[in-house]
N, C-alpha and C. Protein backbone atom coordinates (compact mmCIF):
# COMPACT_ATOMS: atom_id res chain seq x y z
N MET A 1 45.42 131.53 -34.83
CA MET A 1 46.78 131.46 -34.26
C MET A 1 47.29 132.87 -34.02
N CYS A 2 47.87 133.13 -32.87
CA CYS A 2 48.46 134.43 -32.61
C CYS A 2 49.77 134.23 -31.86
N TRP A 3 50.60 135.27 -31.92
CA TRP A 3 51.88 135.22 -31.23
C TRP A 3 51.96 136.39 -30.27
N SER A 4 52.73 136.23 -29.25
CA SER A 4 52.95 137.28 -28.26
C SER A 4 54.23 136.91 -27.53
N ALA A 5 54.68 137.79 -26.63
CA ALA A 5 55.88 137.48 -25.86
C ALA A 5 55.67 136.21 -25.05
N THR A 6 54.52 136.08 -24.41
CA THR A 6 54.25 134.91 -23.58
C THR A 6 54.17 133.64 -24.43
N ALA A 7 53.45 133.72 -25.55
CA ALA A 7 53.30 132.55 -26.42
C ALA A 7 54.65 132.09 -26.96
N ASP A 8 55.46 133.06 -27.41
CA ASP A 8 56.77 132.70 -27.96
C ASP A 8 57.67 132.11 -26.89
N LEU A 9 57.61 132.67 -25.68
CA LEU A 9 58.47 132.16 -24.61
C LEU A 9 58.10 130.72 -24.25
N TRP A 10 56.82 130.45 -24.04
CA TRP A 10 56.42 129.10 -23.68
C TRP A 10 56.64 128.12 -24.82
N ALA A 11 56.38 128.56 -26.04
CA ALA A 11 56.65 127.70 -27.20
C ALA A 11 58.15 127.39 -27.28
N GLY A 12 58.97 128.42 -27.05
CA GLY A 12 60.41 128.21 -27.10
C GLY A 12 60.90 127.23 -26.06
N LEU A 13 60.37 127.35 -24.85
CA LEU A 13 60.78 126.44 -23.78
C LEU A 13 60.35 125.00 -24.08
N GLY A 14 59.12 124.84 -24.58
CA GLY A 14 58.63 123.49 -24.89
C GLY A 14 59.39 122.85 -26.04
N ILE A 15 59.58 123.61 -27.13
CA ILE A 15 60.29 123.08 -28.28
C ILE A 15 61.76 122.83 -27.93
N GLY A 16 62.33 123.73 -27.13
CA GLY A 16 63.72 123.53 -26.72
C GLY A 16 63.89 122.27 -25.87
N ALA A 17 62.92 121.99 -25.01
CA ALA A 17 63.00 120.78 -24.19
C ALA A 17 62.94 119.53 -25.06
N VAL A 18 62.08 119.55 -26.07
CA VAL A 18 62.01 118.41 -26.99
C VAL A 18 63.32 118.31 -27.77
N GLY A 19 63.90 119.45 -28.14
CA GLY A 19 65.18 119.43 -28.84
C GLY A 19 66.30 118.84 -28.00
N ALA A 20 66.30 119.16 -26.71
CA ALA A 20 67.30 118.58 -25.81
C ALA A 20 67.14 117.07 -25.73
N ALA A 21 65.89 116.60 -25.67
CA ALA A 21 65.63 115.16 -25.64
C ALA A 21 66.05 114.51 -26.96
N SER A 22 65.80 115.20 -28.05
CA SER A 22 66.19 114.67 -29.36
C SER A 22 67.71 114.55 -29.46
N LEU A 23 68.42 115.58 -29.02
CA LEU A 23 69.89 115.54 -29.08
C LEU A 23 70.44 114.44 -28.18
N ALA A 24 69.84 114.27 -27.01
CA ALA A 24 70.29 113.22 -26.10
C ALA A 24 70.03 111.83 -26.67
N SER A 25 69.05 111.72 -27.58
CA SER A 25 68.71 110.42 -28.17
C SER A 25 69.55 110.07 -29.37
N ALA A 26 70.32 111.03 -29.88
CA ALA A 26 71.11 110.79 -31.09
C ALA A 26 72.18 109.75 -30.82
N ARG A 27 72.23 108.72 -31.67
CA ARG A 27 73.20 107.64 -31.50
C ARG A 27 74.21 107.58 -32.63
N ARG A 28 74.12 108.50 -33.56
CA ARG A 28 75.11 108.63 -34.62
C ARG A 28 75.67 110.04 -34.58
N PRO A 29 76.98 110.20 -34.63
CA PRO A 29 77.54 111.55 -34.59
C PRO A 29 76.99 112.46 -35.67
N GLY A 30 76.77 111.91 -36.87
CA GLY A 30 76.27 112.72 -37.96
C GLY A 30 74.84 113.20 -37.79
N ASP A 31 74.10 112.59 -36.86
CA ASP A 31 72.72 112.99 -36.62
C ASP A 31 72.60 114.19 -35.70
N ALA A 32 73.68 114.55 -35.00
CA ALA A 32 73.60 115.58 -33.97
C ALA A 32 73.10 116.93 -34.48
N PRO A 33 73.56 117.44 -35.63
CA PRO A 33 73.06 118.75 -36.07
C PRO A 33 71.55 118.78 -36.27
N LEU A 34 70.99 117.78 -36.95
CA LEU A 34 69.54 117.76 -37.15
C LEU A 34 68.81 117.49 -35.84
N ALA A 35 69.36 116.60 -35.01
CA ALA A 35 68.71 116.32 -33.73
C ALA A 35 68.62 117.57 -32.87
N ALA A 36 69.61 118.45 -33.00
CA ALA A 36 69.64 119.68 -32.20
C ALA A 36 68.81 120.81 -32.81
N LEU A 37 68.27 120.61 -34.00
CA LEU A 37 67.54 121.69 -34.67
C LEU A 37 66.36 122.21 -33.84
N PRO A 38 65.52 121.35 -33.22
CA PRO A 38 64.45 121.90 -32.37
C PRO A 38 64.99 122.72 -31.20
N LEU A 39 66.16 122.35 -30.70
CA LEU A 39 66.77 123.12 -29.61
C LEU A 39 67.11 124.52 -30.10
N LEU A 40 67.68 124.61 -31.30
CA LEU A 40 68.00 125.92 -31.88
C LEU A 40 66.73 126.73 -32.13
N LEU A 41 65.72 126.08 -32.72
CA LEU A 41 64.49 126.80 -33.04
C LEU A 41 63.71 127.18 -31.79
N GLY A 42 63.81 126.37 -30.74
CA GLY A 42 63.21 126.74 -29.48
C GLY A 42 63.86 127.99 -28.89
N ALA A 43 65.18 128.02 -28.92
CA ALA A 43 65.90 129.21 -28.46
C ALA A 43 65.52 130.43 -29.30
N HIS A 44 65.31 130.19 -30.59
CA HIS A 44 64.92 131.26 -31.51
C HIS A 44 63.59 131.87 -31.10
N GLN A 45 62.62 131.02 -30.75
CA GLN A 45 61.33 131.53 -30.30
C GLN A 45 61.47 132.31 -28.99
N ALA A 46 62.33 131.84 -28.11
CA ALA A 46 62.55 132.55 -26.85
C ALA A 46 63.18 133.92 -27.11
N VAL A 47 64.09 134.00 -28.08
CA VAL A 47 64.68 135.29 -28.44
C VAL A 47 63.59 136.23 -28.97
N GLU A 48 62.66 135.66 -29.75
CA GLU A 48 61.59 136.52 -30.28
C GLU A 48 60.70 137.06 -29.17
N ALA A 49 60.57 136.32 -28.08
CA ALA A 49 59.83 136.85 -26.93
C ALA A 49 60.47 138.15 -26.45
N ALA A 50 61.80 138.20 -26.48
CA ALA A 50 62.50 139.43 -26.08
C ALA A 50 62.24 140.55 -27.07
N VAL A 51 62.11 140.20 -28.37
CA VAL A 51 61.78 141.22 -29.38
C VAL A 51 60.39 141.79 -29.10
N TRP A 52 59.44 140.93 -28.76
CA TRP A 52 58.10 141.39 -28.40
C TRP A 52 58.15 142.37 -27.22
N ARG A 53 58.88 141.98 -26.20
CA ARG A 53 58.91 142.80 -24.98
C ARG A 53 59.58 144.15 -25.24
N ALA A 54 60.49 144.18 -26.22
CA ALA A 54 61.14 145.45 -26.57
C ALA A 54 60.27 146.30 -27.49
N GLY A 55 59.14 145.75 -27.95
CA GLY A 55 58.28 146.48 -28.87
C GLY A 55 58.84 146.57 -30.27
N GLY A 56 59.66 145.57 -30.65
CA GLY A 56 60.30 145.59 -31.97
C GLY A 56 61.57 146.41 -31.93
N GLY A 57 61.78 147.21 -32.96
CA GLY A 57 62.96 148.06 -33.01
C GLY A 57 64.18 147.38 -33.59
N THR A 58 65.33 147.95 -33.31
CA THR A 58 66.59 147.48 -33.90
C THR A 58 67.59 147.02 -32.84
N GLY A 59 67.11 146.61 -31.70
CA GLY A 59 68.00 146.25 -30.60
C GLY A 59 68.69 144.92 -30.75
N PRO A 60 69.46 144.52 -29.73
CA PRO A 60 70.22 143.27 -29.79
C PRO A 60 69.35 142.03 -29.99
N ALA A 61 68.16 142.00 -29.41
CA ALA A 61 67.29 140.83 -29.58
C ALA A 61 66.86 140.69 -31.04
N THR A 62 66.55 141.80 -31.68
CA THR A 62 66.17 141.75 -33.09
C THR A 62 67.31 141.23 -33.94
N LEU A 63 68.52 141.72 -33.69
CA LEU A 63 69.67 141.26 -34.45
C LEU A 63 69.94 139.78 -34.20
N ALA A 64 69.86 139.35 -32.94
CA ALA A 64 70.09 137.93 -32.63
C ALA A 64 69.06 137.06 -33.33
N TRP A 65 67.80 137.48 -33.34
CA TRP A 65 66.75 136.73 -34.02
C TRP A 65 67.06 136.61 -35.50
N ALA A 66 67.47 137.73 -36.12
CA ALA A 66 67.74 137.74 -37.56
C ALA A 66 68.95 136.88 -37.91
N VAL A 67 69.97 136.86 -37.07
CA VAL A 67 71.16 136.04 -37.34
C VAL A 67 70.79 134.56 -37.39
N ILE A 68 69.94 134.13 -36.46
CA ILE A 68 69.52 132.73 -36.46
C ILE A 68 68.64 132.44 -37.67
N ALA A 69 67.65 133.30 -37.91
CA ALA A 69 66.67 133.04 -38.96
C ALA A 69 67.26 133.13 -40.36
N LEU A 70 68.17 134.06 -40.58
CA LEU A 70 68.61 134.33 -41.95
C LEU A 70 69.89 133.57 -42.33
N PRO A 71 71.08 133.93 -41.84
CA PRO A 71 72.24 133.16 -42.30
C PRO A 71 72.40 131.79 -41.66
N LEU A 72 72.04 131.65 -40.37
CA LEU A 72 72.37 130.40 -39.68
C LEU A 72 71.47 129.24 -40.11
N LEU A 73 70.17 129.47 -40.22
CA LEU A 73 69.24 128.37 -40.45
C LEU A 73 69.46 127.64 -41.78
N PRO A 74 69.62 128.33 -42.92
CA PRO A 74 69.84 127.58 -44.16
C PRO A 74 71.14 126.78 -44.16
N LEU A 75 72.15 127.32 -43.51
CA LEU A 75 73.42 126.59 -43.44
C LEU A 75 73.29 125.39 -42.51
N TRP A 76 72.63 125.57 -41.37
CA TRP A 76 72.46 124.50 -40.38
C TRP A 76 71.69 123.32 -40.97
N VAL A 77 70.56 123.61 -41.63
CA VAL A 77 69.71 122.54 -42.15
C VAL A 77 70.41 121.80 -43.29
N SER A 78 70.98 122.51 -44.23
CA SER A 78 71.62 121.84 -45.37
C SER A 78 72.81 121.01 -44.93
N LEU A 79 73.60 121.51 -43.98
CA LEU A 79 74.72 120.74 -43.46
C LEU A 79 74.24 119.54 -42.64
N GLY A 80 73.16 119.76 -41.87
CA GLY A 80 72.63 118.68 -41.04
C GLY A 80 72.10 117.52 -41.85
N VAL A 81 71.37 117.82 -42.92
CA VAL A 81 70.85 116.75 -43.78
C VAL A 81 72.00 116.00 -44.44
N LEU A 82 73.02 116.73 -44.89
CA LEU A 82 74.18 116.10 -45.51
C LEU A 82 74.91 115.21 -44.52
N ALA A 83 75.10 115.69 -43.30
CA ALA A 83 75.85 114.92 -42.29
C ALA A 83 75.13 113.64 -41.92
N ALA A 84 73.79 113.65 -41.94
CA ALA A 84 73.02 112.48 -41.54
C ALA A 84 72.82 111.48 -42.67
N ALA A 85 73.15 111.86 -43.90
CA ALA A 85 72.87 111.02 -45.06
C ALA A 85 73.90 109.91 -45.24
N ARG A 86 73.48 108.88 -45.95
CA ARG A 86 74.43 107.85 -46.37
C ARG A 86 75.44 108.46 -47.34
N PRO A 87 76.66 107.92 -47.38
CA PRO A 87 77.65 108.44 -48.34
C PRO A 87 77.16 108.41 -49.78
N THR A 88 76.39 107.40 -50.14
CA THR A 88 75.91 107.30 -51.53
C THR A 88 74.85 108.35 -51.84
N ASP A 89 74.21 108.92 -50.83
CA ASP A 89 73.17 109.92 -51.05
C ASP A 89 73.70 111.35 -51.03
N ARG A 90 74.95 111.51 -50.63
CA ARG A 90 75.46 112.86 -50.39
C ARG A 90 75.68 113.70 -51.66
N PRO A 91 76.04 113.11 -52.80
CA PRO A 91 76.27 113.97 -53.96
C PRO A 91 75.09 114.87 -54.31
N ARG A 92 73.86 114.34 -54.28
CA ARG A 92 72.73 115.19 -54.65
C ARG A 92 72.43 116.24 -53.57
N LEU A 93 72.88 116.00 -52.34
CA LEU A 93 72.65 116.96 -51.27
C LEU A 93 73.66 118.10 -51.28
N LEU A 94 74.66 118.01 -52.17
CA LEU A 94 75.61 119.11 -52.31
C LEU A 94 74.96 120.34 -52.93
N VAL A 95 73.86 120.13 -53.69
CA VAL A 95 73.17 121.27 -54.31
C VAL A 95 72.53 122.17 -53.25
N PRO A 96 71.68 121.64 -52.35
CA PRO A 96 71.16 122.52 -51.30
C PRO A 96 72.25 123.05 -50.36
N LEU A 97 73.32 122.28 -50.16
CA LEU A 97 74.41 122.79 -49.33
C LEU A 97 75.06 124.01 -49.98
N ALA A 98 75.30 123.93 -51.29
CA ALA A 98 75.88 125.07 -52.00
C ALA A 98 74.95 126.28 -51.92
N ALA A 99 73.64 126.03 -52.08
CA ALA A 99 72.68 127.12 -51.96
C ALA A 99 72.71 127.71 -50.55
N GLY A 100 72.85 126.84 -49.54
CA GLY A 100 72.92 127.32 -48.17
C GLY A 100 74.16 128.16 -47.91
N LEU A 101 75.29 127.73 -48.44
CA LEU A 101 76.53 128.48 -48.24
C LEU A 101 76.46 129.87 -48.88
N VAL A 102 75.97 129.91 -50.12
CA VAL A 102 75.89 131.19 -50.83
C VAL A 102 74.88 132.11 -50.15
N THR A 103 73.71 131.55 -49.86
CA THR A 103 72.65 132.36 -49.24
C THR A 103 73.05 132.86 -47.86
N ALA A 104 73.63 131.98 -47.06
CA ALA A 104 74.05 132.38 -45.71
C ALA A 104 75.13 133.45 -45.76
N SER A 105 76.07 133.32 -46.68
CA SER A 105 77.14 134.32 -46.80
C SER A 105 76.57 135.68 -47.18
N PHE A 106 75.65 135.67 -48.14
CA PHE A 106 75.05 136.92 -48.59
C PHE A 106 74.24 137.56 -47.46
N LEU A 107 73.43 136.77 -46.77
CA LEU A 107 72.60 137.31 -45.69
C LEU A 107 73.45 137.80 -44.52
N ALA A 108 74.51 137.08 -44.20
CA ALA A 108 75.40 137.53 -43.12
C ALA A 108 76.03 138.87 -43.48
N TYR A 109 76.42 139.02 -44.73
CA TYR A 109 77.01 140.30 -45.18
C TYR A 109 75.99 141.43 -45.05
N ARG A 110 74.76 141.19 -45.50
CA ARG A 110 73.74 142.23 -45.43
C ARG A 110 73.44 142.63 -43.98
N LEU A 111 73.42 141.65 -43.08
CA LEU A 111 73.19 141.97 -41.67
C LEU A 111 74.35 142.76 -41.08
N ALA A 112 75.54 142.54 -41.62
CA ALA A 112 76.72 143.24 -41.11
C ALA A 112 76.76 144.71 -41.56
N VAL A 113 76.18 144.98 -42.73
CA VAL A 113 76.29 146.34 -43.28
C VAL A 113 74.98 147.11 -43.27
N ARG A 114 73.86 146.43 -42.97
CA ARG A 114 72.56 147.10 -42.96
C ARG A 114 71.81 146.75 -41.67
N PRO A 115 71.14 147.70 -41.08
CA PRO A 115 70.39 147.38 -39.85
C PRO A 115 69.15 146.54 -40.17
N VAL A 116 68.75 145.73 -39.20
CA VAL A 116 67.51 144.98 -39.31
C VAL A 116 66.57 145.50 -38.23
N SER A 117 65.32 145.67 -38.60
CA SER A 117 64.34 146.21 -37.65
C SER A 117 63.14 145.29 -37.56
N ALA A 118 62.48 145.34 -36.42
CA ALA A 118 61.26 144.56 -36.20
C ALA A 118 60.12 145.51 -35.87
N GLU A 119 58.93 145.15 -36.34
CA GLU A 119 57.74 145.98 -36.11
C GLU A 119 56.58 145.08 -35.69
N VAL A 120 55.91 145.47 -34.62
CA VAL A 120 54.73 144.73 -34.18
C VAL A 120 53.58 145.04 -35.12
N ARG A 121 53.02 143.97 -35.69
CA ARG A 121 51.90 144.12 -36.63
C ARG A 121 50.76 143.23 -36.15
N GLY A 122 49.98 143.76 -35.21
CA GLY A 122 48.89 142.98 -34.64
C GLY A 122 49.44 141.84 -33.81
N HIS A 123 49.15 140.60 -34.24
CA HIS A 123 49.62 139.41 -33.52
C HIS A 123 50.83 138.79 -34.19
N THR A 124 51.52 139.54 -35.04
CA THR A 124 52.74 139.04 -35.68
C THR A 124 53.82 140.11 -35.59
N LEU A 125 55.04 139.68 -35.87
CA LEU A 125 56.17 140.61 -35.97
C LEU A 125 56.66 140.61 -37.41
N GLY A 126 56.91 141.79 -37.94
CA GLY A 126 57.50 141.91 -39.26
C GLY A 126 58.94 142.36 -39.14
N TYR A 127 59.82 141.72 -39.87
CA TYR A 127 61.24 142.07 -39.85
C TYR A 127 61.63 142.66 -41.20
N ALA A 128 62.43 143.71 -41.16
CA ALA A 128 62.83 144.38 -42.39
C ALA A 128 64.34 144.52 -42.44
N VAL A 129 64.92 144.08 -43.54
CA VAL A 129 66.35 144.26 -43.81
C VAL A 129 66.49 144.50 -45.30
N ASP A 130 67.38 145.38 -45.66
CA ASP A 130 67.55 145.74 -47.06
C ASP A 130 68.19 144.57 -47.82
N LEU A 131 67.41 143.92 -48.68
CA LEU A 131 67.90 142.76 -49.43
C LEU A 131 67.67 142.96 -50.93
N PRO A 132 68.72 143.25 -51.68
CA PRO A 132 68.56 143.27 -53.13
C PRO A 132 68.35 141.85 -53.65
N HIS A 133 67.68 141.74 -54.79
CA HIS A 133 67.42 140.43 -55.41
C HIS A 133 66.70 139.50 -54.44
N ALA A 134 65.70 140.04 -53.73
CA ALA A 134 65.01 139.27 -52.69
C ALA A 134 64.41 137.95 -53.20
N PRO A 135 63.75 137.91 -54.37
CA PRO A 135 63.20 136.62 -54.83
C PRO A 135 64.27 135.55 -55.02
N LEU A 136 65.44 135.95 -55.53
CA LEU A 136 66.53 135.00 -55.72
C LEU A 136 67.07 134.51 -54.38
N VAL A 137 67.19 135.42 -53.43
CA VAL A 137 67.66 135.05 -52.09
C VAL A 137 66.67 134.08 -51.44
N LEU A 138 65.36 134.36 -51.58
CA LEU A 138 64.35 133.48 -51.00
C LEU A 138 64.40 132.09 -51.64
N ALA A 139 64.62 132.05 -52.95
CA ALA A 139 64.72 130.76 -53.63
C ALA A 139 65.90 129.95 -53.09
N GLY A 140 67.05 130.59 -52.92
CA GLY A 140 68.21 129.90 -52.36
C GLY A 140 67.97 129.46 -50.93
N TYR A 141 67.29 130.29 -50.17
CA TYR A 141 66.98 129.97 -48.77
C TYR A 141 66.09 128.73 -48.68
N LEU A 142 65.04 128.69 -49.48
CA LEU A 142 64.11 127.56 -49.44
C LEU A 142 64.75 126.29 -50.01
N LEU A 143 65.62 126.43 -51.00
CA LEU A 143 66.33 125.26 -51.53
C LEU A 143 67.23 124.66 -50.45
N ALA A 144 67.89 125.51 -49.67
CA ALA A 144 68.80 125.03 -48.63
C ALA A 144 68.06 124.39 -47.47
N THR A 145 66.85 124.84 -47.17
CA THR A 145 66.11 124.33 -46.02
C THR A 145 65.10 123.27 -46.45
N VAL A 146 64.04 123.71 -47.11
CA VAL A 146 62.99 122.78 -47.55
C VAL A 146 63.55 121.78 -48.57
N GLY A 147 64.33 122.27 -49.53
CA GLY A 147 64.86 121.40 -50.58
C GLY A 147 65.75 120.31 -50.03
N ALA A 148 66.61 120.64 -49.07
CA ALA A 148 67.50 119.62 -48.49
C ALA A 148 66.70 118.51 -47.84
N LEU A 149 65.64 118.87 -47.12
CA LEU A 149 64.82 117.87 -46.45
C LEU A 149 64.06 117.00 -47.45
N LEU A 150 63.55 117.61 -48.51
CA LEU A 150 62.81 116.84 -49.51
C LEU A 150 63.71 115.88 -50.28
N LEU A 151 65.00 116.20 -50.37
CA LEU A 151 65.94 115.34 -51.08
C LEU A 151 66.50 114.22 -50.20
N ALA A 152 66.19 114.24 -48.91
CA ALA A 152 66.68 113.20 -48.01
C ALA A 152 66.02 111.87 -48.32
N ARG A 153 66.71 110.78 -48.02
CA ARG A 153 66.14 109.46 -48.24
C ARG A 153 65.13 109.10 -47.15
N ASP A 154 65.36 109.58 -45.93
CA ASP A 154 64.53 109.20 -44.80
C ASP A 154 63.12 109.77 -44.94
N ARG A 155 62.11 108.95 -44.70
CA ARG A 155 60.71 109.35 -44.88
C ARG A 155 60.32 110.50 -43.94
N LEU A 156 60.73 110.44 -42.67
CA LEU A 156 60.35 111.49 -41.74
C LEU A 156 60.97 112.83 -42.10
N LEU A 157 62.18 112.82 -42.63
CA LEU A 157 62.80 114.07 -43.07
C LEU A 157 62.05 114.64 -44.27
N ARG A 158 61.61 113.78 -45.17
CA ARG A 158 60.84 114.26 -46.31
C ARG A 158 59.49 114.82 -45.86
N ILE A 159 58.87 114.18 -44.86
CA ILE A 159 57.61 114.71 -44.32
C ILE A 159 57.85 116.09 -43.70
N LEU A 160 58.96 116.23 -42.97
CA LEU A 160 59.30 117.53 -42.38
C LEU A 160 59.49 118.57 -43.49
N GLY A 161 60.16 118.17 -44.57
CA GLY A 161 60.33 119.08 -45.70
C GLY A 161 59.00 119.48 -46.31
N LEU A 162 58.10 118.52 -46.44
CA LEU A 162 56.78 118.81 -46.99
C LEU A 162 56.00 119.76 -46.08
N LEU A 163 56.04 119.52 -44.78
CA LEU A 163 55.32 120.38 -43.84
C LEU A 163 55.88 121.80 -43.85
N THR A 164 57.20 121.92 -43.88
CA THR A 164 57.78 123.27 -43.88
C THR A 164 57.55 123.97 -45.21
N GLY A 165 57.53 123.20 -46.30
CA GLY A 165 57.23 123.79 -47.59
C GLY A 165 55.80 124.30 -47.66
N LEU A 166 54.85 123.48 -47.19
CA LEU A 166 53.46 123.92 -47.13
C LEU A 166 53.29 125.11 -46.18
N GLY A 167 54.03 125.05 -45.07
CA GLY A 167 53.98 126.16 -44.13
C GLY A 167 54.46 127.46 -44.75
N ALA A 168 55.49 127.39 -45.59
CA ALA A 168 56.00 128.59 -46.26
C ALA A 168 54.93 129.18 -47.16
N ALA A 169 54.23 128.31 -47.90
CA ALA A 169 53.17 128.79 -48.80
C ALA A 169 52.04 129.45 -48.01
N VAL A 170 51.64 128.82 -46.90
CA VAL A 170 50.57 129.38 -46.08
C VAL A 170 50.98 130.74 -45.49
N CYS A 171 52.22 130.82 -45.01
CA CYS A 171 52.69 132.07 -44.41
C CYS A 171 52.76 133.20 -45.43
N VAL A 172 53.14 132.88 -46.66
CA VAL A 172 53.17 133.91 -47.70
C VAL A 172 51.76 134.42 -47.98
N LEU A 173 50.80 133.49 -48.03
CA LEU A 173 49.42 133.87 -48.35
C LEU A 173 48.74 134.64 -47.21
N LEU A 174 48.98 134.22 -45.97
CA LEU A 174 48.26 134.80 -44.85
C LEU A 174 49.00 135.93 -44.15
N TRP A 175 50.31 135.83 -44.06
CA TRP A 175 51.08 136.84 -43.31
C TRP A 175 52.28 137.30 -44.13
N ARG A 176 52.02 137.81 -45.32
CA ARG A 176 53.12 138.13 -46.22
C ARG A 176 54.12 139.12 -45.60
N THR A 177 53.60 140.11 -44.89
CA THR A 177 54.50 141.11 -44.30
C THR A 177 55.25 140.58 -43.09
N ALA A 178 54.82 139.42 -42.59
CA ALA A 178 55.50 138.81 -41.44
C ALA A 178 55.89 137.38 -41.78
N PHE A 179 56.28 137.15 -43.03
CA PHE A 179 56.56 135.79 -43.50
C PHE A 179 57.65 135.10 -42.69
N VAL A 180 58.77 135.77 -42.50
CA VAL A 180 59.91 135.12 -41.85
C VAL A 180 59.56 134.70 -40.43
N SER A 181 58.91 135.59 -39.70
CA SER A 181 58.57 135.30 -38.31
C SER A 181 57.59 134.13 -38.21
N THR A 182 56.51 134.17 -38.98
CA THR A 182 55.49 133.13 -38.88
C THR A 182 56.00 131.79 -39.40
N TRP A 183 56.81 131.81 -40.48
CA TRP A 183 57.31 130.55 -41.01
C TRP A 183 58.30 129.91 -40.03
N CYS A 184 59.13 130.71 -39.40
CA CYS A 184 60.07 130.14 -38.42
C CYS A 184 59.32 129.51 -37.25
N ALA A 185 58.21 130.13 -36.85
CA ALA A 185 57.43 129.56 -35.75
C ALA A 185 56.82 128.22 -36.17
N LEU A 186 56.26 128.15 -37.36
CA LEU A 186 55.68 126.90 -37.84
C LEU A 186 56.75 125.84 -38.06
N ALA A 187 57.91 126.25 -38.57
CA ALA A 187 59.01 125.31 -38.77
C ALA A 187 59.49 124.75 -37.43
N ALA A 188 59.47 125.58 -36.39
CA ALA A 188 59.88 125.11 -35.06
C ALA A 188 58.94 124.02 -34.57
N VAL A 189 57.63 124.22 -34.75
CA VAL A 189 56.67 123.20 -34.33
C VAL A 189 56.84 121.93 -35.15
N ALA A 190 57.00 122.08 -36.47
CA ALA A 190 57.17 120.91 -37.34
C ALA A 190 58.43 120.13 -37.00
N SER A 191 59.46 120.83 -36.50
CA SER A 191 60.73 120.18 -36.20
C SER A 191 60.63 119.18 -35.06
N LEU A 192 59.50 119.17 -34.35
CA LEU A 192 59.32 118.19 -33.29
C LEU A 192 59.32 116.77 -33.84
N LEU A 193 59.08 116.63 -35.14
CA LEU A 193 59.20 115.32 -35.79
C LEU A 193 60.59 114.74 -35.63
N LEU A 194 61.57 115.60 -35.43
CA LEU A 194 62.95 115.13 -35.36
C LEU A 194 63.21 114.27 -34.12
N LEU A 195 62.41 114.42 -33.08
CA LEU A 195 62.56 113.54 -31.92
C LEU A 195 62.24 112.10 -32.32
N SER A 196 61.16 111.91 -33.06
CA SER A 196 60.81 110.57 -33.56
C SER A 196 61.86 110.06 -34.53
N TRP A 197 62.35 110.94 -35.39
CA TRP A 197 63.39 110.55 -36.35
C TRP A 197 64.65 110.09 -35.62
N THR A 198 65.07 110.86 -34.63
CA THR A 198 66.30 110.52 -33.91
C THR A 198 66.17 109.19 -33.18
N ARG A 199 65.04 108.98 -32.53
CA ARG A 199 64.84 107.75 -31.77
C ARG A 199 64.69 106.53 -32.67
N GLY A 200 64.30 106.74 -33.91
CA GLY A 200 64.15 105.63 -34.83
C GLY A 200 65.43 105.23 -35.54
N ARG A 201 66.46 105.99 -35.35
CA ARG A 201 67.74 105.69 -36.01
C ARG A 201 68.53 104.67 -35.18
N ARG A 202 69.07 103.68 -35.85
CA ARG A 202 69.91 102.71 -35.16
C ARG A 202 71.36 103.19 -35.16
N PRO A 203 72.10 102.89 -34.12
CA PRO A 203 73.50 103.32 -34.09
C PRO A 203 74.31 102.61 -35.16
N VAL A 204 75.32 103.30 -35.64
CA VAL A 204 76.23 102.69 -36.61
C VAL A 204 77.04 101.63 -35.89
N THR A 205 77.12 100.45 -36.47
CA THR A 205 77.90 99.37 -35.88
C THR A 205 79.02 98.98 -36.80
N SER A 206 80.08 98.46 -36.22
CA SER A 206 81.23 98.04 -37.01
C SER A 206 81.35 96.53 -36.95
N GLY A 207 82.07 96.01 -37.88
CA GLY A 207 82.28 94.56 -37.90
C GLY A 207 81.20 93.85 -38.67
N CYS A 208 81.31 92.54 -38.78
CA CYS A 208 80.34 91.76 -39.52
C CYS A 208 79.36 91.11 -38.57
N GLY A 209 78.25 90.67 -39.14
CA GLY A 209 77.25 89.98 -38.36
C GLY A 209 76.45 90.88 -37.46
N SER A 210 76.51 92.22 -37.70
CA SER A 210 75.79 93.16 -36.85
C SER A 210 74.45 93.54 -37.40
N GLY A 211 74.10 92.98 -38.55
CA GLY A 211 72.80 93.28 -39.13
C GLY A 211 72.82 94.53 -39.96
N ARG A 212 71.69 94.85 -40.56
CA ARG A 212 71.59 96.01 -41.40
C ARG A 212 71.43 97.27 -40.55
N VAL A 213 71.93 98.36 -41.06
CA VAL A 213 71.81 99.63 -40.38
C VAL A 213 70.65 100.39 -41.00
N ARG A 214 69.72 100.80 -40.17
CA ARG A 214 68.57 101.53 -40.68
C ARG A 214 69.01 102.90 -41.17
N PRO A 215 68.57 103.36 -42.33
CA PRO A 215 69.00 104.66 -42.83
C PRO A 215 68.43 105.80 -42.01
């Protein structure tokens, strides 16, 4: 597997198109954030294509990529899983949401006060930002993203959580210096499961005699 400006651009366009279809298929208002996740991740890959073309560095594309990957993604996923959950399932999902809020706030602050840089490392990009307590930040990040999905009741969301969790382990082992970039790319591909998840959800109905609502 390798990445390049062309690969990221085409991957971004393809994943974004699936994300648009997923969002258009959403029949519950609470499903919209998760349904739109492939659209966000597709745009993210397209932004990384611009980072490639700039040769890395500290330019606007690098900053835009980091804003999506670092503060936005843990907050988006944890809120999305909570919004799509049944009311009875939401209390346990407050834990990853709290982790997402704290982690996103800390990462947003660091991006505001410290520059982020990108470096081309063969067929990957490495991103560097000054992060104190990095292991703790990573734990909060993974709890908000992977943890939220694993705690969901829906089987496809748990499968997505399992795939992204395994992907994180693989990226640490194979591309440690480019972990964030490679994991986000794998998470974008795995998020294509959300199209099937969205289409399998039944719309919320009101009144009696409407049958059971699929979770």
